[in-house]
N, C-alpha and C. Protein backbone atom coordinates (compact mmCIF):
# COMPACT_ATOMS: atom_id res chain seq x y z
N MET A 1 175.40 -59.16 -52.90
CA MET A 1 174.69 -59.93 -53.74
C MET A 1 173.82 -61.29 -53.06
N GLY A 2 174.41 -61.61 -52.14
CA GLY A 2 173.55 -62.67 -51.01
C GLY A 2 172.40 -62.08 -50.92
N SER A 3 171.59 -60.48 -50.57
CA SER A 3 170.58 -60.29 -50.34
C SER A 3 169.67 -60.62 -51.56
N LEU A 4 170.29 -60.28 -52.83
CA LEU A 4 169.57 -60.30 -54.14
C LEU A 4 169.16 -61.49 -54.44
N VAL A 5 169.83 -62.80 -54.17
CA VAL A 5 169.63 -63.88 -54.60
C VAL A 5 168.94 -64.40 -53.41
N ASP A 6 168.80 -64.05 -52.25
CA ASP A 6 168.21 -64.69 -51.06
C ASP A 6 166.31 -64.20 -51.45
N GLU A 7 166.16 -62.89 -51.83
CA GLU A 7 165.06 -62.04 -52.57
C GLU A 7 164.55 -63.11 -53.55
N LEU A 8 165.28 -63.35 -54.67
CA LEU A 8 164.92 -64.17 -55.60
C LEU A 8 164.22 -65.85 -55.20
N ARG A 9 164.96 -65.99 -54.23
CA ARG A 9 164.26 -67.54 -53.50
C ARG A 9 163.11 -67.23 -52.73
N ARG A 10 163.12 -66.26 -52.05
CA ARG A 10 161.92 -66.08 -51.40
C ARG A 10 160.81 -65.71 -52.25
N ARG A 11 161.09 -65.10 -53.13
CA ARG A 11 159.95 -65.10 -54.27
C ARG A 11 159.39 -66.14 -55.24
N GLU A 12 160.52 -67.10 -55.18
CA GLU A 12 160.22 -68.22 -55.87
C GLU A 12 159.44 -69.15 -55.08
N THR A 13 159.69 -69.07 -54.01
CA THR A 13 159.03 -70.10 -53.05
C THR A 13 157.67 -69.62 -52.73
N ALA A 14 157.72 -68.11 -52.64
CA ALA A 14 156.41 -67.63 -52.36
C ALA A 14 155.40 -68.09 -54.14
N ALA A 15 155.81 -67.94 -54.97
CA ALA A 15 155.51 -68.25 -56.16
C ALA A 15 154.73 -69.43 -56.53
N ARG A 16 155.73 -70.62 -55.79
CA ARG A 16 155.54 -71.96 -55.96
C ARG A 16 154.36 -72.24 -55.04
N ALA A 17 154.34 -71.73 -53.73
CA ALA A 17 153.44 -72.32 -52.74
C ALA A 17 152.04 -71.65 -53.49
N GLU A 18 151.99 -70.10 -54.12
CA GLU A 18 150.95 -69.83 -54.90
C GLU A 18 150.41 -70.96 -56.00
N ALA A 19 151.24 -71.44 -56.76
CA ALA A 19 150.87 -72.33 -57.91
C ALA A 19 150.18 -73.39 -57.02
N GLU A 20 150.73 -74.00 -56.34
CA GLU A 20 150.35 -75.42 -55.51
C GLU A 20 148.96 -75.15 -55.09
N GLN A 21 148.75 -73.79 -54.17
CA GLN A 21 147.15 -73.47 -53.95
C GLN A 21 146.21 -73.31 -54.93
N LEU A 22 146.63 -72.97 -56.07
CA LEU A 22 145.93 -72.69 -57.27
C LEU A 22 145.69 -73.84 -57.61
N ARG A 23 146.53 -74.75 -57.88
CA ARG A 23 146.35 -76.31 -58.46
C ARG A 23 145.43 -77.06 -57.53
N GLY A 24 145.48 -76.76 -56.17
CA GLY A 24 144.75 -77.42 -55.07
C GLY A 24 143.02 -76.97 -55.37
N GLN A 25 142.88 -75.73 -55.92
CA GLN A 25 141.73 -74.86 -56.25
C GLN A 25 140.88 -75.49 -57.39
N ILE A 26 142.23 -75.61 -58.38
CA ILE A 26 141.75 -76.24 -59.89
C ILE A 26 141.26 -77.82 -59.46
N ALA A 27 141.63 -78.33 -58.60
CA ALA A 27 141.42 -79.98 -58.45
C ALA A 27 140.00 -79.61 -57.57
N GLU A 28 139.86 -79.10 -57.02
CA GLU A 28 138.25 -78.78 -56.26
C GLU A 28 137.28 -78.25 -57.35
N LEU A 29 137.73 -77.88 -57.74
CA LEU A 29 136.69 -77.42 -58.86
C LEU A 29 136.55 -78.19 -60.00
N ALA A 30 137.30 -78.83 -60.45
CA ALA A 30 137.24 -79.94 -61.30
C ALA A 30 136.36 -80.76 -60.75
N GLU A 31 136.84 -81.27 -59.24
CA GLU A 31 136.12 -82.75 -58.73
C GLU A 31 134.30 -81.88 -58.73
N ARG A 32 134.13 -80.64 -58.25
CA ARG A 32 132.51 -80.51 -57.90
C ARG A 32 132.22 -79.99 -59.47
N LEU A 33 132.92 -79.70 -60.30
CA LEU A 33 132.24 -79.57 -61.86
C LEU A 33 132.07 -81.00 -62.70
N ALA A 34 132.83 -81.89 -62.00
CA ALA A 34 132.41 -83.36 -62.56
C ALA A 34 130.87 -84.18 -61.78
N GLY A 35 131.26 -83.49 -60.61
CA GLY A 35 129.72 -83.89 -59.58
C GLY A 35 128.66 -83.49 -60.41
N VAL A 36 128.65 -82.14 -60.67
CA VAL A 36 127.35 -81.28 -61.34
C VAL A 36 127.15 -81.85 -62.58
N GLU A 37 128.06 -82.06 -63.24
CA GLU A 37 127.96 -82.57 -64.85
C GLU A 37 127.16 -84.09 -64.72
N GLU A 38 127.82 -84.78 -63.58
CA GLU A 38 126.84 -86.01 -63.63
C GLU A 38 125.43 -85.91 -63.07
N ARG A 39 125.07 -85.02 -62.24
CA ARG A 39 123.99 -84.86 -61.44
C ARG A 39 123.02 -84.38 -63.02
N LEU A 40 123.73 -83.04 -63.58
CA LEU A 40 123.14 -82.59 -64.91
C LEU A 40 122.48 -83.97 -65.84
N SER A 41 123.61 -84.49 -65.94
CA SER A 41 123.28 -86.00 -67.01
C SER A 41 122.12 -86.48 -66.68
N ARG A 42 122.26 -87.32 -65.41
CA ARG A 42 121.03 -88.09 -64.80
C ARG A 42 120.03 -87.27 -64.81
N LEU A 43 119.67 -86.11 -64.75
CA LEU A 43 118.64 -85.03 -64.82
C LEU A 43 118.11 -85.20 -66.10
N VAL A 44 119.07 -85.02 -67.29
CA VAL A 44 118.49 -84.99 -68.40
C VAL A 44 117.88 -86.26 -68.62
N ILE A 45 118.51 -87.21 -68.48
CA ILE A 45 117.97 -88.76 -68.45
C ILE A 45 116.80 -89.08 -68.09
N ALA A 46 116.49 -88.74 -66.74
CA ALA A 46 115.26 -88.80 -66.14
C ALA A 46 114.10 -88.14 -67.07
N ARG A 47 114.55 -86.86 -67.24
CA ARG A 47 113.71 -85.96 -67.79
C ARG A 47 112.83 -86.73 -69.34
N GLU A 48 114.23 -86.86 -70.16
CA GLU A 48 113.69 -87.54 -71.48
C GLU A 48 113.31 -89.09 -71.27
N VAL A 49 113.24 -89.58 -70.34
CA VAL A 49 112.49 -91.22 -70.18
C VAL A 49 111.16 -91.02 -69.74
N VAL A 50 111.14 -89.61 -68.71
CA VAL A 50 109.62 -89.29 -68.12
C VAL A 50 108.94 -88.99 -69.59
N ASP A 51 109.52 -88.17 -70.25
CA ASP A 51 108.84 -87.42 -71.47
C ASP A 51 108.41 -89.04 -72.20
N GLU A 52 109.32 -89.69 -72.60
CA GLU A 52 109.14 -91.20 -73.03
C GLU A 52 108.07 -91.74 -72.65
N VAL A 53 107.90 -92.38 -71.36
CA VAL A 53 107.27 -92.79 -71.11
C VAL A 53 105.69 -91.87 -71.11
N LEU A 54 105.64 -90.71 -70.66
CA LEU A 54 104.60 -90.06 -70.95
C LEU A 54 103.75 -90.14 -72.27
N ASP A 55 104.67 -90.14 -73.15
CA ASP A 55 104.31 -90.18 -74.71
C ASP A 55 103.75 -91.32 -74.81
N GLY A 56 104.32 -92.50 -74.35
CA GLY A 56 103.69 -93.89 -74.73
C GLY A 56 102.16 -94.23 -73.62
N ALA A 57 102.39 -93.32 -72.62
CA ALA A 57 101.10 -93.40 -71.61
C ALA A 57 99.79 -93.06 -72.83
N ALA A 58 99.90 -92.00 -73.06
CA ALA A 58 98.98 -91.44 -74.28
C ALA A 58 98.21 -92.69 -74.91
N TRP A 59 99.30 -93.55 -75.27
CA TRP A 59 98.83 -94.81 -76.42
C TRP A 59 98.39 -95.69 -75.66
N GLU A 60 98.30 -95.68 -74.34
CA GLU A 60 98.10 -96.85 -73.61
C GLU A 60 96.85 -96.77 -72.99
N VAL A 61 96.22 -95.67 -73.22
CA VAL A 61 94.74 -95.31 -72.45
C VAL A 61 93.76 -96.58 -72.88
N SER A 62 93.08 -96.92 -72.07
CA SER A 62 92.36 -97.89 -72.39
C SER A 62 90.96 -97.28 -73.19
N PRO A 63 90.43 -97.67 -74.04
CA PRO A 63 89.16 -96.85 -75.12
C PRO A 63 87.83 -97.00 -74.09
N VAL A 64 87.21 -95.72 -74.01
CA VAL A 64 85.88 -95.68 -73.17
C VAL A 64 84.83 -96.89 -74.07
N PRO A 65 84.20 -97.60 -73.06
CA PRO A 65 83.26 -98.47 -73.94
C PRO A 65 82.08 -97.45 -74.49
N GLY A 66 81.72 -97.70 -75.67
CA GLY A 66 80.60 -97.29 -76.33
C GLY A 66 81.31 -95.74 -76.87
N GLN A 67 82.38 -95.60 -76.83
CA GLN A 67 82.85 -94.64 -77.49
C GLN A 67 83.89 -95.08 -78.77
N PRO A 68 83.95 -93.99 -79.88
CA PRO A 68 85.02 -94.44 -80.90
C PRO A 68 86.34 -94.39 -80.60
N GLN A 69 87.23 -95.46 -80.99
CA GLN A 69 88.56 -95.51 -80.57
C GLN A 69 89.24 -94.46 -81.42
N VAL A 70 90.13 -93.44 -80.87
CA VAL A 70 90.69 -92.87 -81.73
C VAL A 70 92.47 -92.86 -81.42
N THR A 71 93.02 -93.23 -81.83
CA THR A 71 94.52 -93.41 -81.74
C THR A 71 95.32 -92.33 -82.20
N ALA A 72 96.36 -91.51 -82.02
CA ALA A 72 97.27 -90.40 -82.12
C ALA A 72 98.77 -91.03 -82.29
N SER A 73 99.46 -90.64 -83.70
CA SER A 73 100.57 -91.37 -83.66
C SER A 73 101.37 -90.06 -83.42
N PRO A 74 102.35 -89.82 -83.23
CA PRO A 74 103.42 -88.45 -82.59
C PRO A 74 104.11 -88.35 -83.85
N GLY A 75 104.29 -89.42 -84.91
CA GLY A 75 105.29 -89.39 -85.99
C GLY A 75 104.94 -90.26 -86.94
N ALA A 76 105.89 -90.27 -87.94
CA ALA A 76 105.66 -91.51 -88.85
C ALA A 76 105.74 -93.09 -88.61
N GLY A 77 105.42 -93.76 -89.42
CA GLY A 77 104.89 -94.96 -88.61
C GLY A 77 103.72 -95.43 -88.35
N PRO A 78 103.47 -96.46 -88.19
CA PRO A 78 101.98 -96.97 -87.70
C PRO A 78 101.64 -96.35 -86.21
N ALA A 79 100.52 -96.14 -85.79
CA ALA A 79 100.02 -96.24 -84.65
C ALA A 79 99.75 -97.08 -83.58
N PRO A 80 100.75 -96.92 -82.88
CA PRO A 80 100.72 -98.08 -81.96
C PRO A 80 99.19 -98.40 -81.22
N VAL A 81 98.99 -99.91 -81.13
CA VAL A 81 97.77 -100.23 -80.56
C VAL A 81 97.59 -100.18 -79.14
N PRO A 82 96.37 -99.20 -78.79
CA PRO A 82 96.31 -98.97 -77.39
C PRO A 82 96.63 -100.03 -76.50
N GLY A 83 97.52 -99.90 -75.50
CA GLY A 83 97.61 -100.68 -74.45
C GLY A 83 98.75 -101.95 -74.89
N GLY A 84 99.23 -101.43 -76.06
CA GLY A 84 100.59 -102.40 -76.69
C GLY A 84 102.03 -101.71 -76.20
N LEU A 85 102.83 -102.39 -76.59
CA LEU A 85 103.96 -102.23 -76.49
C LEU A 85 104.50 -101.01 -77.73
N ALA A 86 105.48 -100.11 -77.52
CA ALA A 86 105.86 -98.97 -78.73
C ALA A 86 106.83 -100.12 -79.39
N VAL A 87 107.71 -100.91 -78.60
CA VAL A 87 108.44 -101.78 -79.10
C VAL A 87 108.26 -103.23 -79.03
N PRO A 88 107.25 -103.81 -79.66
CA PRO A 88 106.75 -105.15 -79.58
C PRO A 88 108.34 -106.13 -79.78
N PRO A 89 108.27 -107.25 -78.98
CA PRO A 89 109.11 -108.48 -79.07
C PRO A 89 109.56 -108.96 -80.30
N TRP A 90 110.21 -108.96 -80.87
CA TRP A 90 110.34 -109.28 -82.18
C TRP A 90 109.82 -111.08 -82.48
N ARG A 91 109.57 -111.46 -83.31
CA ARG A 91 109.19 -112.77 -83.61
C ARG A 91 108.81 -112.94 -85.29
N ALA A 92 109.28 -114.08 -85.59
CA ALA A 92 109.45 -114.39 -87.35
C ALA A 92 108.28 -114.01 -87.87
N GLY A 93 108.43 -113.20 -89.00
CA GLY A 93 107.14 -112.15 -89.82
C GLY A 93 107.18 -111.17 -89.23
N LEU A 94 107.50 -110.57 -88.09
CA LEU A 94 107.23 -109.39 -88.08
C LEU A 94 108.23 -108.35 -88.48
N ASP A 95 108.12 -107.11 -89.04
CA ASP A 95 108.84 -106.39 -89.64
C ASP A 95 109.03 -105.19 -89.04
N ALA A 96 110.27 -104.55 -89.01
CA ALA A 96 110.59 -103.37 -88.53
C ALA A 96 109.57 -102.14 -88.57
N SER A 97 108.89 -102.32 -89.93
CA SER A 97 107.77 -101.46 -90.01
C SER A 97 106.70 -101.30 -88.74
N VAL A 98 106.78 -102.28 -87.84
CA VAL A 98 105.94 -101.71 -86.75
C VAL A 98 106.48 -101.26 -85.57
N LEU A 99 107.79 -100.78 -85.91
CA LEU A 99 108.28 -99.87 -84.83
C LEU A 99 108.38 -98.31 -85.16
N PRO A 100 108.30 -97.53 -83.95
CA PRO A 100 108.22 -96.01 -84.23
C PRO A 100 109.60 -95.58 -84.88
N ARG A 101 109.47 -94.59 -86.03
CA ARG A 101 110.50 -94.07 -86.86
C ARG A 101 111.90 -94.28 -86.18
N ASP A 102 111.91 -93.37 -85.06
CA ASP A 102 113.30 -93.32 -84.42
C ASP A 102 114.02 -94.94 -83.89
N TYR A 103 113.34 -95.56 -83.66
CA TYR A 103 113.68 -97.37 -83.44
C TYR A 103 114.13 -97.88 -84.87
N ARG A 104 113.15 -97.73 -85.70
CA ARG A 104 113.50 -98.36 -87.15
C ARG A 104 115.01 -97.45 -87.86
N ASP A 105 114.87 -96.30 -87.62
CA ASP A 105 116.48 -95.69 -87.72
C ASP A 105 117.70 -96.20 -86.95
N LEU A 106 117.45 -96.44 -85.83
CA LEU A 106 118.58 -97.42 -85.13
C LEU A 106 118.74 -98.59 -85.86
N LEU A 107 117.72 -99.21 -85.91
CA LEU A 107 117.74 -100.62 -86.61
C LEU A 107 118.88 -100.69 -88.13
N GLU A 108 118.38 -99.25 -88.88
CA GLU A 108 118.91 -99.14 -90.07
C GLU A 108 120.28 -98.70 -89.99
N VAL A 109 120.86 -98.07 -88.86
CA VAL A 109 121.90 -97.43 -88.65
C VAL A 109 122.88 -99.11 -88.71
N ALA A 110 122.44 -99.78 -87.79
CA ALA A 110 123.08 -101.15 -86.98
C ALA A 110 123.23 -102.10 -88.56
N GLY A 111 122.27 -101.75 -89.05
CA GLY A 111 122.23 -102.64 -90.15
C GLY A 111 123.41 -102.44 -91.29
N ASP A 112 123.47 -100.94 -91.76
CA ASP A 112 124.25 -100.33 -92.30
C ASP A 112 125.45 -100.42 -92.31
N ALA A 113 125.72 -100.59 -90.85
CA ALA A 113 127.51 -100.83 -90.24
C ALA A 113 128.09 -101.96 -90.60
N GLY A 114 126.99 -103.04 -90.58
CA GLY A 114 127.70 -104.14 -90.75
C GLY A 114 128.43 -104.72 -89.69
N ARG A 115 128.58 -104.15 -88.48
CA ARG A 115 129.28 -104.74 -87.50
C ARG A 115 128.93 -103.90 -85.96
N PRO A 116 128.99 -104.73 -85.12
CA PRO A 116 128.44 -104.09 -83.70
C PRO A 116 129.18 -102.59 -83.55
N LEU A 117 128.20 -101.78 -83.12
CA LEU A 117 128.77 -100.73 -82.87
C LEU A 117 128.34 -100.00 -81.35
N ARG A 118 129.11 -99.28 -80.59
CA ARG A 118 128.72 -98.46 -79.31
C ARG A 118 127.84 -97.43 -79.50
N ALA A 119 127.12 -97.08 -78.49
CA ALA A 119 125.96 -96.21 -78.61
C ALA A 119 126.38 -94.76 -79.06
N GLY A 120 127.27 -94.37 -78.67
CA GLY A 120 127.76 -93.22 -79.34
C GLY A 120 128.32 -92.89 -80.77
N GLN A 121 128.69 -94.02 -81.37
CA GLN A 121 128.99 -94.47 -82.54
C GLN A 121 127.63 -94.68 -83.45
N ILE A 122 126.80 -95.16 -82.72
CA ILE A 122 125.30 -95.33 -83.30
C ILE A 122 124.55 -93.95 -83.30
N ALA A 123 125.05 -92.89 -82.81
CA ALA A 123 124.36 -91.78 -82.23
C ALA A 123 124.86 -90.64 -83.70
N ALA A 124 126.31 -91.15 -83.46
CA ALA A 124 126.96 -90.38 -84.64
C ALA A 124 126.72 -90.23 -86.26
N ALA A 125 126.46 -91.69 -86.56
CA ALA A 125 125.98 -92.24 -87.64
C ALA A 125 124.73 -92.00 -87.85
N ALA A 126 123.67 -91.83 -86.89
CA ALA A 126 122.19 -91.51 -87.27
C ALA A 126 122.12 -90.02 -87.25
N GLY A 127 122.96 -89.31 -87.02
CA GLY A 127 122.72 -87.68 -86.88
C GLY A 127 122.49 -87.29 -85.66
N LEU A 128 122.50 -88.14 -84.74
CA LEU A 128 122.06 -87.47 -83.48
C LEU A 128 122.98 -87.03 -82.40
N SER A 129 122.42 -86.15 -81.59
CA SER A 129 123.41 -85.52 -80.49
C SER A 129 124.31 -86.74 -79.91
N THR A 130 125.67 -86.41 -79.90
CA THR A 130 126.71 -87.35 -79.18
C THR A 130 126.73 -86.88 -77.77
N ASP A 131 126.24 -85.79 -77.29
CA ASP A 131 126.14 -85.36 -75.99
C ASP A 131 125.94 -86.51 -74.89
N ARG A 132 126.80 -86.56 -73.83
CA ARG A 132 126.74 -87.57 -72.88
C ARG A 132 125.48 -87.91 -72.51
N GLY A 133 124.51 -87.04 -72.21
CA GLY A 133 123.10 -87.43 -71.71
C GLY A 133 122.43 -87.97 -72.98
N LYS A 134 122.39 -87.67 -73.88
CA LYS A 134 121.91 -88.10 -75.29
C LYS A 134 121.94 -89.33 -75.52
N VAL A 135 123.40 -89.69 -75.48
CA VAL A 135 123.96 -90.86 -75.89
C VAL A 135 123.56 -92.06 -74.43
N GLU A 136 123.41 -91.73 -73.47
CA GLU A 136 122.60 -92.67 -72.23
C GLU A 136 121.35 -92.55 -72.67
N THR A 137 120.15 -91.89 -73.22
CA THR A 137 119.27 -91.91 -73.57
C THR A 137 119.00 -92.65 -74.61
N LEU A 138 119.78 -92.61 -75.56
CA LEU A 138 120.06 -93.61 -76.77
C LEU A 138 120.35 -95.20 -76.47
N ARG A 139 121.49 -95.28 -75.56
CA ARG A 139 121.59 -96.51 -75.22
C ARG A 139 120.41 -97.17 -74.59
N ALA A 140 119.23 -96.34 -73.63
CA ALA A 140 118.43 -97.18 -72.99
C ALA A 140 117.67 -97.65 -74.27
N LYS A 141 117.44 -97.05 -75.18
CA LYS A 141 116.32 -97.30 -76.70
C LYS A 141 117.04 -98.66 -76.81
N LEU A 142 118.46 -98.56 -77.26
CA LEU A 142 119.23 -99.70 -77.97
C LEU A 142 119.04 -100.93 -76.86
N LYS A 143 118.95 -100.67 -75.45
CA LYS A 143 118.99 -101.89 -74.41
C LYS A 143 117.57 -102.04 -74.64
N ARG A 144 116.34 -101.63 -75.02
CA ARG A 144 115.21 -101.79 -75.25
C ARG A 144 115.00 -102.69 -76.27
N LEU A 145 115.85 -102.15 -77.43
CA LEU A 145 115.70 -103.26 -78.74
C LEU A 145 116.10 -104.26 -78.43
N VAL A 146 117.28 -104.56 -77.98
CA VAL A 146 118.25 -105.85 -77.25
C VAL A 146 117.28 -106.53 -76.49
N ASP A 147 116.26 -106.11 -75.55
CA ASP A 147 115.71 -106.85 -74.75
C ASP A 147 114.38 -107.44 -75.45
N ARG A 148 114.35 -106.85 -76.31
CA ARG A 148 112.74 -107.26 -77.26
C ARG A 148 113.13 -107.80 -78.57
N GLY A 149 114.40 -108.29 -78.66
CA GLY A 149 115.08 -109.35 -79.58
C GLY A 149 115.33 -108.60 -81.12
N TRP A 150 115.25 -107.34 -80.94
CA TRP A 150 115.70 -106.50 -82.65
C TRP A 150 116.76 -106.23 -82.51
N LEU A 151 118.02 -106.29 -81.61
CA LEU A 151 119.23 -106.16 -81.55
C LEU A 151 120.04 -106.88 -80.98
N ALA A 152 121.45 -107.23 -81.07
CA ALA A 152 121.93 -108.19 -79.73
C ALA A 152 123.24 -107.29 -79.55
N GLU A 153 123.32 -107.77 -78.15
CA GLU A 153 124.59 -107.35 -77.46
C GLU A 153 125.61 -108.14 -77.26
N GLU A 154 125.72 -108.88 -78.01
CA GLU A 154 126.65 -110.64 -77.90
C GLU A 154 128.33 -110.25 -78.15
N ALA A 155 128.12 -109.36 -79.03
CA ALA A 155 129.85 -108.85 -79.31
C ALA A 155 130.59 -108.58 -78.19
N GLY A 156 129.92 -108.10 -77.13
CA GLY A 156 130.37 -107.46 -76.21
C GLY A 156 129.68 -106.38 -75.36
N PRO A 157 129.94 -106.26 -73.96
CA PRO A 157 128.82 -105.24 -73.51
C PRO A 157 129.12 -103.60 -74.37
N GLY A 158 127.99 -103.23 -74.38
CA GLY A 158 127.87 -101.99 -74.82
C GLY A 158 127.79 -102.01 -76.63
N LEU A 159 127.99 -103.22 -77.09
CA LEU A 159 128.29 -103.34 -78.63
C LEU A 159 127.09 -103.63 -79.07
N PHE A 160 126.39 -103.25 -79.80
CA PHE A 160 125.16 -103.19 -80.47
C PHE A 160 125.25 -103.65 -81.92
N GLY A 161 124.33 -104.90 -82.29
CA GLY A 161 124.38 -105.00 -83.77
C GLY A 161 123.16 -105.86 -84.24
N LEU A 162 122.97 -106.04 -85.38
CA LEU A 162 121.77 -106.68 -85.53
C LEU A 162 121.89 -108.09 -85.51
N PRO A 163 120.68 -108.95 -84.56
CA PRO A 163 120.65 -110.71 -84.48
C PRO A 163 120.42 -111.29 -85.69
N VAL A 164 120.88 -112.30 -85.96
CA VAL A 164 120.28 -113.27 -86.78
C VAL A 164 119.27 -114.18 -86.39
N HIS A 165 118.33 -113.92 -87.23
CA HIS A 165 116.98 -114.43 -86.57
C HIS A 165 116.62 -115.72 -87.48
N ASN A 166 117.33 -116.77 -87.31
CA ASN A 166 117.01 -117.91 -88.50
C ASN A 166 117.08 -119.05 -87.50
N GLY A 167 116.20 -119.85 -87.44
CA GLY A 167 116.70 -121.16 -86.46
C GLY A 167 116.68 -120.85 -84.76
N ASN A 168 118.06 -121.13 -84.58
CA ASN A 168 118.67 -121.21 -83.20
C ASN A 168 119.22 -120.04 -82.91
N GLY A 169 119.53 -119.31 -84.29
CA GLY A 169 120.48 -117.91 -84.18
C GLY A 169 120.32 -116.85 -83.39
N ALA A 170 118.94 -116.84 -83.01
CA ALA A 170 118.24 -115.71 -82.48
C ALA A 170 119.02 -115.22 -81.44
N GLY A 171 119.73 -114.15 -81.51
CA GLY A 171 120.48 -113.18 -80.35
C GLY A 171 121.87 -113.02 -80.95
N GLU A 172 122.67 -113.74 -81.90
CA GLU A 172 123.73 -114.30 -82.27
C GLU A 172 123.93 -112.90 -83.38
N THR A 173 124.80 -111.84 -83.14
CA THR A 173 125.04 -110.67 -84.07
C THR A 173 125.27 -111.03 -85.59
N ALA A 174 124.72 -110.76 -86.04
CA ALA A 174 124.66 -110.81 -87.68
C ALA A 174 125.75 -110.40 -88.17
N LYS A 175 126.71 -110.91 -89.07
CA LYS A 175 127.90 -110.69 -89.69
C LYS A 175 127.81 -109.56 -90.96
N THR A 176 126.78 -109.92 -91.49
CA THR A 176 126.64 -109.09 -92.67
C THR A 176 125.39 -107.86 -92.68
N GLY A 177 125.00 -107.69 -91.55
CA GLY A 177 124.05 -106.97 -91.22
C GLY A 177 122.94 -107.18 -91.96
N VAL A 178 122.43 -108.09 -92.66
CA VAL A 178 121.22 -108.28 -93.00
C VAL A 178 120.41 -109.20 -92.24
N ARG A 179 118.71 -108.61 -91.99
CA ARG A 179 117.98 -109.11 -91.37
C ARG A 179 117.27 -110.13 -91.86
N GLY A 180 116.34 -111.20 -90.89
CA GLY A 180 115.63 -112.23 -91.32
C GLY A 180 115.87 -113.32 -91.85
N GLY A 181 117.13 -113.44 -91.72
CA GLY A 181 117.84 -114.85 -91.68
C GLY A 181 118.42 -114.90 -93.02
N SER A 182 118.34 -114.25 -94.29
CA SER A 182 118.84 -114.14 -95.21
C SER A 182 120.47 -113.62 -95.37
N SER A 183 121.02 -114.16 -95.78
CA SER A 183 122.58 -113.87 -95.64
C SER A 183 123.05 -113.57 -97.59
N SER A 184 124.11 -112.31 -97.22
CA SER A 184 124.49 -111.87 -98.75
C SER A 184 126.16 -112.56 -98.60
């Protein structure tokens, strides 16, 4: 009987060693996969930002003196002023209709929510992809809206909501989701 028990222990030890070796390989592959996914995410973001910059650069071409000025708009919404910003800084009396459609949609989602949301929540609510790279690109747009005064991020880092734009309240997150200083 001793040799059968010894053989089972030997096989158990061998199986245990093989399982540990496979766990090590899995951990190494998981680490490599995480690195490749991170690099892929950065490449996707870089490409999308370049696309966005190139799309905006077509609008920023200076008109040729003596030639009629033609401005093309890639989508709904008013055509941007050549040399102007696609997302102008917010100021009193300026309506969201001056923004490109995709930025207006983001403001609408933030207003409908009535509370600050994270980029992933805004993506889901807007019907956009919630893939990591897409959410990071969306976060860049949300940060641009914050930088230009159209959104606020004061409820906490990464929480985007509509600011209050009345008197000294610019930049404070609106609790009602109503823009322009009127409250409900």
